[in-house]
Every structure is written in C-alpha cells, then in structure tokens.
Amino acid sequence: MKQILFAGGISLAVAILLTPVLIKLFSRQGFGQEIRVEGPQSHQTKRGTPSMGGVAIVVALWCGYLGAHLVGIGSGPGPSASGLLVLGLATALSFVGFLDDFIKIRKQRNLGLNKTAKSVGQAAAAILFGILVLQFRNGAGTGPASPHLSYVRDINAISMVSIVFVLFCWFVVAAWSNAVNFTDGLDGLAAGSMAMVLGSYVLMAFWQYRNACVGGPKGAAPGCYDVRDPLDLALVAVAAGGACLGFLWWNAAPAKIFMGDTGSLMLGGLLAGLSISTRTELLAIVIGALFVAEMVSVVTQILVFRSTGRRVFRMAPFHHHFELAGWAETTVIIRFWLLTAIACALGLGLFYSEFLSSASAG
C-alpha cells in the first residue's frame, strides 16, 4: 500500500512541476497547436497553445513507477514483467504520437503522420507487446497475459492460438489508442476521464493482489485471481493516474498546454495493456465507455456519410456536436466527466459482483 501512495504522489508532483517548464520551453520554440478550421469557432482562440504536453505525463509515469520501487527496495519485489511490458507499450505509442505532433508543428498544419505511417507505428508496438506478453511465465506457469478472452477473469471457452492472440492485441491497442485520441478534443476532457478510469484500475488490480491465487496475502481462496503481477500493475495505474491529475492542473479549461498525440496515444495504449494484463478486456469497455462512445461516433459519422451523404452528428467526435448545438465547452467537459464517473462506478460494481459470485460458487 505504501508503494502505491508513493507512486501516485511522485508522479503527481513531477507532472505538476514539469508541465509549466514544458509550457515555457514549447512556447519559446513555437510548438503551438494548429486548430481545425471546420471545428467550433470558439476553438480558434486556442491556436498557438503549446502541444506535446504528453511528454510530462510519460516522464511523470516513469518517475512515479521507478520511484515507488526505489522506496520499496528490500520490502518487496522489484519491477515486474507485466508492469514493464505495459509501460513499454505506452512509451512506444507515445513516441509514435510525438512524431505525429512534431510533424504537425513543423509543417504548421493539423495533420501530422499520414494514416498509414501512424497505423504502422501502432501495429509495430502492439504486435511486439502481443508476442512478449505471452512469455515470462512465473513459477506457477502464469504469464503477463493469457490467450483467452477475458471479462473479469479468463473465459475458458474462448481461447486463441498465439497468432490470433497477437492480432487481437493489435486490435485492442489500436482501438483504445485511437479512442482516447478522439476524446482529446476539449480542455481536460481526456486527462480527467483517464484519471478516473486509471483510478478504477488501481482498485481492481489491488483487489486482485489481495485475492491472488499465488503470492497474495490470502492465498488461493475461493474467487482468487490468476494474474501474474497485480500489485505492480496497480503501481503502473496509480502512477499514470497521478500523472494525469498533475497534467490536468495545467490542461483544465482554459488549457495552457495540450497533451497532443504524445499523451493520448500513450494513455490509450496504457489502458489496452492494463486490460489485457489484468484479464479485464471486456470489462474495460464498460469502464472506458466514454472513449468507446467517442470512437463509435466517429465510425458512425463516416459510415453514414459515405453511404447516404448525410451526417448523424453536426461534427464528430460527438463532443463537438454538443458544442455546435450551443453547449459551453466547460458544460460538455463536466457532463462527460460525470458520464465517465458513472461508467467507472458501474464497472467496479460489476467487478465486485463477479468476485462475490465466484467466491460463493467456490
């Protein structure tokens, strides 16, 4: 528990202190955000706001994670395969996002990497993760991930051969990284929402540790979880959540810096990695319902427009739809945060109810 508090506290402090330094540095270098011309006109005032603030989130995440392990030297295990693989996936995607942001800034346009280059970068990170996450089994034979589809734990009836699992990881990583990227369109929306989602994962991973089948305080009790490194995954989640909150201090409306694709792709990849390594791939859809809805709005808009020539929303992602309908930006942000809080509460409720039913059945 002490390590979890240290991880969150360190990442929060680093993000709060580092972000203003990046604001000054990026402003001096002219690393300003370009704004879509067809978007809400109120957003044109944001042109030139420093971007690539996701750098602060990535640095704070690593500082929180490694700092917590330094504090815990001698009192617990060090960094785990599960934690490092999830962090590696997130860092690789942040690099893809950084290239995208840098090209946008250098070419002074709202489009960075083309779709093919961006997809190749996401695919490379996801495929490498999918291959490695099936390795590194512990003494009990448990790896960082399993080839089964999962809800709160593995669904044994749905098993994938290795190559299908790797392709599945590709899909999950691409879906979540793009979903968070679509959500990052209003001041503080993505950072605030991700902080709540990651907070949910801290609680779930810590609960999995407390009730782990191997290595947990209670031993192999009924309803235990067969997750390789739940405590270390809780450290990853709390370090990322603290980083998001620290960044949100400067990113809340009116934002003084944007996270850019550097942050949004990284956070989406982090969510994908956590869902796979904690065996909660389907439950993540509930907890991250806002991100799912944002992505569905984009896909729906494209499909309907191409087939009928009509638009379902005034603009997609659909947070812009409400702005164009006359809602103030802060109103949209706060209500979407409330929807995220409801989704997280529902997800945690489903997680705990499954534990109760599994424990009683055992």
Protein backbone atom coordinates (compact mmCIF):
# COMPACT_ATOMS: atom_id res chain seq x y z
CA MET A 1 0.00 0.00 0.00
CA LYS A 2 2.87 2.37 0.82
CA GLN A 3 4.34 1.87 -2.67
CA ILE A 4 1.01 2.75 -4.27
CA LEU A 5 0.85 6.02 -2.33
CA PHE A 6 4.44 6.86 -3.22
CA ALA A 7 3.89 6.09 -6.92
CA GLY A 8 0.85 8.35 -7.11
CA GLY A 9 2.46 11.13 -5.07
CA ILE A 10 5.70 11.17 -7.04
CA SER A 11 4.01 11.16 -10.44
CA LEU A 12 1.57 13.87 -9.36
CA ALA A 13 4.41 16.11 -8.13
CA VAL A 14 6.55 15.54 -11.23
CA ALA A 15 3.66 16.30 -13.59
CA ILE A 16 2.63 19.47 -11.75
CA LEU A 17 6.22 20.78 -11.63
CA LEU A 18 7.39 19.65 -15.08
CA THR A 19 4.39 20.81 -17.12
CA PRO A 20 4.95 24.58 -16.61
CA VAL A 21 8.58 24.08 -17.61
CA LEU A 22 7.39 22.47 -20.85
CA ILE A 23 4.88 25.28 -21.38
CA LYS A 24 7.68 27.85 -21.30
CA LEU A 25 10.02 25.73 -23.41
CA PHE A 26 7.47 24.85 -26.10
CA SER A 27 6.16 28.43 -26.22
CA ARG A 28 9.70 29.71 -26.75
CA GLN A 29 10.24 27.19 -29.55
CA GLY A 30 6.89 27.99 -31.17
CA PHE A 31 5.48 24.49 -30.65
CA GLY A 32 1.87 25.64 -30.89
CA GLN A 33 -1.25 23.65 -31.71
CA GLU A 34 -2.97 24.05 -35.08
CA ILE A 35 -6.80 24.11 -34.94
CA ARG A 36 -9.24 22.56 -37.40
CA VAL A 37 -10.88 25.29 -39.47
CA GLU A 38 -14.19 23.41 -39.66
CA GLY A 39 -14.38 23.00 -35.87
CA PRO A 40 -16.24 25.22 -33.38
CA GLN A 41 -15.15 28.80 -33.90
CA SER A 42 -14.52 29.26 -30.19
CA HIS A 43 -11.57 26.89 -30.58
CA GLN A 44 -9.74 29.28 -32.91
CA THR A 45 -8.62 31.25 -29.86
CA LYS A 46 -6.62 28.17 -28.82
CA ARG A 47 -4.37 28.37 -31.86
CA GLY A 48 -0.75 28.50 -30.76
CA THR A 49 -1.32 26.88 -27.35
CA PRO A 50 1.70 24.65 -26.65
CA SER A 51 1.20 21.00 -27.54
CA MET A 52 3.12 17.75 -26.85
CA GLY A 53 2.34 18.06 -23.14
CA GLY A 54 2.08 14.28 -23.09
CA VAL A 55 5.84 14.35 -22.55
CA ALA A 56 5.16 15.42 -18.95
CA ILE A 57 2.73 12.54 -18.46
CA VAL A 58 5.21 9.97 -19.78
CA VAL A 59 8.08 11.29 -17.65
CA ALA A 60 5.89 11.52 -14.54
CA LEU A 61 4.60 7.99 -15.12
CA TRP A 62 8.10 6.52 -15.23
CA CYS A 63 9.26 8.62 -12.26
CA GLY A 64 6.29 7.50 -10.17
CA TYR A 65 6.73 3.84 -11.05
CA LEU A 66 10.50 3.68 -10.61
CA GLY A 67 10.43 5.97 -7.58
CA ALA A 68 7.95 3.72 -5.79
CA HIS A 69 10.20 0.72 -6.43
CA LEU A 70 13.23 2.59 -5.12
CA VAL A 71 11.33 3.44 -1.96
CA GLY A 72 10.29 -0.19 -1.61
CA ILE A 73 13.76 -1.73 -2.05
CA GLY A 74 14.14 -4.59 0.38
CA SER A 75 10.45 -4.71 1.28
CA GLY A 76 9.03 -6.24 -1.88
CA PRO A 77 9.71 -7.47 -5.41
CA GLY A 78 11.14 -5.09 -7.97
CA PRO A 79 9.69 -4.12 -11.34
CA SER A 80 7.77 -6.99 -12.91
CA ALA A 81 7.46 -8.30 -16.46
CA SER A 82 3.79 -7.26 -16.57
CA GLY A 83 4.47 -3.71 -15.42
CA LEU A 84 7.44 -3.16 -17.72
CA LEU A 85 5.62 -4.57 -20.75
CA VAL A 86 2.63 -2.28 -20.22
CA LEU A 87 4.95 0.69 -19.70
CA GLY A 88 6.95 -0.28 -22.78
CA LEU A 89 3.79 -0.39 -24.89
CA ALA A 90 2.68 3.01 -23.60
CA THR A 91 6.12 4.55 -24.19
CA ALA A 92 6.35 3.17 -27.74
CA LEU A 93 2.96 4.68 -28.58
CA SER A 94 3.98 7.99 -27.02
CA PHE A 95 6.93 8.04 -29.42
CA VAL A 96 4.55 7.50 -32.38
CA GLY A 97 2.39 10.32 -31.04
CA PHE A 98 5.43 12.56 -30.54
CA LEU A 99 6.41 12.14 -34.19
CA ASP A 100 2.84 12.98 -35.21
CA ASP A 101 2.79 16.12 -33.04
CA PHE A 102 6.24 17.23 -34.18
CA ILE A 103 5.30 16.99 -37.86
CA LYS A 104 2.12 18.98 -37.21
CA ILE A 105 4.14 21.72 -35.55
CA ARG A 106 6.93 21.82 -38.13
CA LYS A 107 4.55 21.88 -41.09
CA GLN A 108 2.09 24.22 -39.34
CA ARG A 109 -0.93 22.06 -40.12
CA ASN A 110 -3.46 20.00 -38.16
CA LEU A 111 -2.36 16.72 -39.80
CA GLY A 112 0.89 15.04 -38.80
CA LEU A 113 1.80 11.49 -39.75
CA ASN A 114 -0.34 10.09 -42.55
CA LYS A 115 -2.79 7.33 -41.64
CA THR A 116 -0.54 4.57 -42.95
CA ALA A 117 2.55 5.65 -41.02
CA LYS A 118 0.54 6.13 -37.83
CA SER A 119 -1.13 2.73 -38.20
CA VAL A 120 2.21 1.03 -38.85
CA GLY A 121 3.65 2.57 -35.68
CA GLN A 122 0.67 1.45 -33.61
CA ALA A 123 0.77 -2.02 -35.16
CA ALA A 124 4.50 -2.48 -34.51
CA ALA A 125 4.13 -1.56 -30.83
CA ALA A 126 1.03 -3.74 -30.40
CA ILE A 127 2.44 -6.80 -32.17
CA LEU A 128 5.68 -6.68 -30.17
CA PHE A 129 3.62 -6.36 -26.98
CA GLY A 130 1.37 -9.24 -28.04
CA ILE A 131 4.35 -11.52 -28.62
CA LEU A 132 6.20 -10.64 -25.41
CA VAL A 133 3.18 -10.64 -23.13
CA LEU A 134 2.74 -14.39 -23.67
CA GLN A 135 6.29 -15.00 -22.42
CA PHE A 136 7.87 -14.54 -18.96
CA ARG A 137 5.83 -17.13 -17.07
CA ASN A 138 6.42 -17.33 -13.33
CA GLY A 139 6.95 -20.45 -11.24
CA ALA A 140 3.22 -21.15 -11.24
CA GLY A 141 3.11 -21.03 -15.04
CA THR A 142 1.22 -17.73 -15.17
CA GLY A 143 2.27 -15.20 -17.80
CA PRO A 144 1.55 -11.46 -18.05
CA ALA A 145 -1.37 -12.36 -20.33
CA SER A 146 -3.26 -15.43 -21.43
CA PRO A 147 -4.58 -16.41 -24.88
CA HIS A 148 -8.16 -16.44 -23.54
CA LEU A 149 -10.66 -13.63 -24.00
CA SER A 150 -11.46 -12.18 -20.60
CA TYR A 151 -14.25 -10.36 -18.79
CA VAL A 152 -13.11 -10.14 -15.16
CA ARG A 153 -11.09 -13.31 -15.49
CA ASP A 154 -10.39 -15.65 -18.41
CA ILE A 155 -13.31 -17.06 -20.36
CA ASN A 156 -12.00 -20.59 -20.84
CA ALA A 157 -14.46 -21.35 -23.63
CA ILE A 158 -12.85 -18.69 -25.84
CA SER A 159 -9.19 -19.46 -26.44
CA MET A 160 -6.95 -18.11 -29.19
CA VAL A 161 -3.87 -19.59 -30.83
CA SER A 162 -0.79 -17.41 -30.46
CA ILE A 163 -1.02 -15.64 -33.84
CA VAL A 164 -4.71 -14.86 -33.33
CA PHE A 165 -3.95 -13.50 -29.87
CA VAL A 166 -1.25 -11.22 -31.28
CA LEU A 167 -3.71 -9.92 -33.88
CA PHE A 168 -6.25 -9.46 -31.09
CA CYS A 169 -3.70 -7.36 -29.17
CA TRP A 170 -3.19 -5.28 -32.30
CA PHE A 171 -6.93 -4.62 -32.50
CA VAL A 172 -7.27 -3.79 -28.79
CA VAL A 173 -4.28 -1.43 -28.77
CA ALA A 174 -5.34 0.33 -31.98
CA ALA A 175 -8.92 0.67 -30.76
CA TRP A 176 -8.09 2.12 -27.35
CA SER A 177 -5.28 4.41 -28.53
CA ASN A 178 -7.49 5.87 -31.26
CA ALA A 179 -10.47 6.13 -28.91
CA VAL A 180 -8.55 8.22 -26.37
CA ASN A 181 -7.06 10.23 -29.23
CA PHE A 182 -10.56 11.09 -30.48
CA THR A 183 -11.61 12.10 -26.97
CA ASP A 184 -8.73 14.55 -26.59
CA GLY A 185 -10.50 17.49 -28.19
CA LEU A 186 -11.62 19.63 -25.25
CA ASP A 187 -9.59 21.14 -22.41
CA GLY A 188 -9.01 18.49 -19.75
CA LEU A 189 -11.57 16.02 -21.12
CA ALA A 190 -9.18 13.16 -21.86
CA ALA A 191 -6.88 13.78 -18.85
CA GLY A 192 -9.75 13.99 -16.36
CA SER A 193 -11.56 10.98 -17.78
CA MET A 194 -8.39 8.86 -17.88
CA ALA A 195 -7.61 9.75 -14.25
CA MET A 196 -10.95 8.22 -13.22
CA VAL A 197 -10.50 5.13 -15.42
CA LEU A 198 -6.99 4.58 -14.09
CA GLY A 199 -8.24 5.04 -10.54
CA SER A 200 -10.65 2.18 -11.20
CA TYR A 201 -7.77 0.02 -12.37
CA VAL A 202 -5.80 0.83 -9.22
CA LEU A 203 -8.68 -0.52 -7.13
CA MET A 204 -9.20 -3.59 -9.31
CA ALA A 205 -5.52 -4.52 -9.56
CA PHE A 206 -5.00 -4.06 -5.82
CA TRP A 207 -8.07 -6.22 -5.13
CA GLN A 208 -6.62 -8.86 -7.46
CA TYR A 209 -3.40 -8.73 -5.44
CA ARG A 210 -5.24 -9.09 -2.14
CA ASN A 211 -7.07 -12.10 -3.56
CA ALA A 212 -4.37 -13.58 -5.79
CA CYS A 213 -4.30 -17.34 -6.26
CA VAL A 214 -0.49 -17.30 -5.90
CA GLY A 215 1.54 -14.78 -3.89
CA GLY A 216 -1.36 -12.84 -2.41
CA PRO A 217 -1.90 -12.24 1.33
CA LYS A 218 -4.90 -14.58 1.46
CA GLY A 219 -3.57 -17.42 -0.69
CA ALA A 220 -5.67 -19.48 -3.07
CA ALA A 221 -9.05 -18.68 -1.54
CA PRO A 222 -12.33 -19.12 -3.48
CA GLY A 223 -12.73 -16.45 -6.15
CA CYS A 224 -8.98 -15.76 -6.34
CA TYR A 225 -7.42 -14.16 -9.42
CA ASP A 226 -4.83 -15.79 -11.66
CA VAL A 227 -3.00 -12.57 -12.60
CA ARG A 228 0.80 -12.57 -12.70
CA ASP A 229 1.73 -9.18 -11.18
CA PRO A 230 -1.40 -7.39 -9.92
CA LEU A 231 0.38 -5.22 -7.35
CA ASP A 232 2.88 -3.93 -9.90
CA LEU A 233 0.04 -3.22 -12.34
CA ALA A 234 -1.63 -1.20 -9.58
CA LEU A 235 1.61 0.82 -9.32
CA VAL A 236 1.53 1.45 -13.09
CA ALA A 237 -2.11 2.55 -12.93
CA VAL A 238 -1.68 4.87 -9.94
CA ALA A 239 1.49 6.43 -11.40
CA ALA A 240 -0.37 7.12 -14.65
CA GLY A 241 -3.40 8.44 -12.78
CA GLY A 242 -1.24 10.79 -10.71
CA ALA A 243 0.48 11.98 -13.89
CA CYS A 244 -2.90 12.72 -15.48
CA LEU A 245 -4.08 14.69 -12.45
CA GLY A 246 -0.86 16.69 -12.31
CA PHE A 247 -1.10 17.47 -16.00
CA LEU A 248 -4.81 18.33 -15.62
CA TRP A 249 -3.82 21.19 -13.29
CA TRP A 250 -2.44 22.97 -16.37
CA ASN A 251 -4.68 21.35 -19.00
CA ALA A 252 -8.05 22.21 -17.45
CA ALA A 253 -10.07 24.94 -19.19
CA PRO A 254 -8.68 27.30 -20.26
CA ALA A 255 -5.81 24.97 -21.13
CA LYS A 256 -2.29 26.33 -21.04
CA ILE A 257 -0.98 23.21 -22.80
CA PHE A 258 -2.40 20.24 -24.73
CA MET A 259 -1.25 16.63 -24.32
CA GLY A 260 -1.29 16.05 -28.08
CA ASP A 261 -0.99 12.61 -29.63
CA THR A 262 2.11 12.14 -27.46
CA GLY A 263 -0.20 11.78 -24.49
CA SER A 264 -3.44 10.47 -25.97
CA LEU A 265 -1.94 7.54 -27.89
CA MET A 266 0.17 6.66 -24.85
CA LEU A 267 -2.80 6.69 -22.47
CA GLY A 268 -4.91 4.62 -24.85
CA GLY A 269 -2.11 2.08 -25.15
CA LEU A 270 -1.75 2.03 -21.37
CA LEU A 271 -5.45 1.25 -20.97
CA ALA A 272 -5.18 -1.52 -23.56
CA GLY A 273 -2.15 -3.01 -21.81
CA LEU A 274 -3.80 -2.88 -18.39
CA SER A 275 -6.98 -4.52 -19.67
CA ILE A 276 -5.02 -7.39 -21.24
CA SER A 277 -2.65 -7.96 -18.31
CA THR A 278 -5.39 -7.79 -15.64
CA ARG A 279 -7.70 -10.07 -17.67
CA THR A 280 -10.44 -7.39 -17.95
CA GLU A 281 -10.64 -6.81 -21.71
CA LEU A 282 -14.45 -6.84 -21.90
CA LEU A 283 -14.97 -5.02 -18.58
CA ALA A 284 -12.72 -2.23 -19.88
CA ILE A 285 -15.41 -1.41 -22.44
CA VAL A 286 -17.74 -0.51 -19.56
CA ILE A 287 -15.18 1.45 -17.55
CA GLY A 288 -13.92 3.30 -20.63
CA ALA A 289 -17.42 3.79 -22.06
CA LEU A 290 -16.81 7.46 -22.86
CA PHE A 291 -13.84 6.64 -25.07
CA VAL A 292 -15.85 3.88 -26.76
CA ALA A 293 -18.72 6.28 -27.42
CA GLU A 294 -16.36 8.88 -28.90
CA MET A 295 -14.87 6.32 -31.28
CA VAL A 296 -18.28 4.92 -32.24
CA SER A 297 -19.47 8.45 -33.06
CA VAL A 298 -16.58 8.90 -35.50
CA VAL A 299 -17.08 5.50 -37.14
CA THR A 300 -20.85 6.06 -37.40
CA GLN A 301 -20.39 9.51 -38.91
CA ILE A 302 -18.02 8.18 -41.57
CA LEU A 303 -20.13 5.14 -42.49
CA VAL A 304 -23.42 7.03 -42.68
CA PHE A 305 -21.94 9.94 -44.61
CA ARG A 306 -20.26 7.69 -47.16
CA SER A 307 -23.41 5.61 -47.69
CA THR A 308 -26.10 8.32 -47.59
CA GLY A 309 -24.29 11.67 -47.86
CA ARG A 310 -25.88 12.75 -44.57
CA ARG A 311 -24.34 13.42 -41.16
CA VAL A 312 -25.60 11.88 -37.93
CA PHE A 313 -23.78 14.50 -35.83
CA ARG A 314 -23.05 18.12 -36.58
CA MET A 315 -19.42 17.16 -36.14
CA ALA A 316 -17.56 14.09 -34.90
CA PRO A 317 -16.20 13.16 -32.39
CA PHE A 318 -19.55 13.88 -30.81
CA HIS A 319 -18.29 16.20 -28.04
CA HIS A 320 -18.08 18.78 -30.84
CA HIS A 321 -21.70 18.04 -31.75
CA PHE A 322 -22.84 19.41 -28.40
CA GLU A 323 -20.60 22.47 -28.73
CA LEU A 324 -22.12 23.26 -32.14
CA ALA A 325 -25.54 22.75 -30.57
CA GLY A 326 -24.80 25.66 -28.23
CA TRP A 327 -23.37 23.97 -25.13
CA ALA A 328 -20.47 25.76 -23.47
CA GLU A 329 -17.20 23.85 -23.63
CA THR A 330 -16.97 23.55 -19.85
CA THR A 331 -20.52 22.19 -19.73
CA VAL A 332 -19.63 19.43 -22.18
CA ILE A 333 -16.46 18.60 -20.25
CA ILE A 334 -18.11 18.39 -16.83
CA ARG A 335 -21.04 16.31 -18.09
CA PHE A 336 -18.73 13.93 -19.90
CA TRP A 337 -16.66 13.62 -16.73
CA LEU A 338 -19.88 12.72 -14.89
CA LEU A 339 -20.65 10.07 -17.50
CA THR A 340 -17.15 8.65 -17.02
CA ALA A 341 -17.62 8.56 -13.25
CA ILE A 342 -20.91 6.67 -13.71
CA ALA A 343 -19.25 4.21 -16.10
CA CYS A 344 -16.37 3.63 -13.67
CA ALA A 345 -18.78 3.06 -10.77
CA LEU A 346 -20.77 0.60 -12.90
CA GLY A 347 -17.59 -1.21 -13.94
CA LEU A 348 -16.36 -1.51 -10.35
CA GLY A 349 -19.77 -2.77 -9.31
CA LEU A 350 -19.67 -5.46 -11.99
CA PHE A 351 -16.12 -6.37 -10.97
CA TYR A 352 -17.05 -6.80 -7.31
CA SER A 353 -20.30 -8.64 -8.03
CA GLU A 354 -18.37 -11.14 -10.15
CA PHE A 355 -15.96 -11.67 -7.26
CA LEU A 356 -18.83 -12.33 -4.85
CA SER A 357 -20.45 -14.82 -7.20
CA SER A 358 -17.11 -16.59 -7.84
CA ALA A 359 -16.29 -16.73 -4.13
CA SER A 360 -19.71 -18.13 -3.22
CA ALA A 361 -19.52 -20.67 -6.04
CA GLY A 362 -16.10 -21.78 -4.80
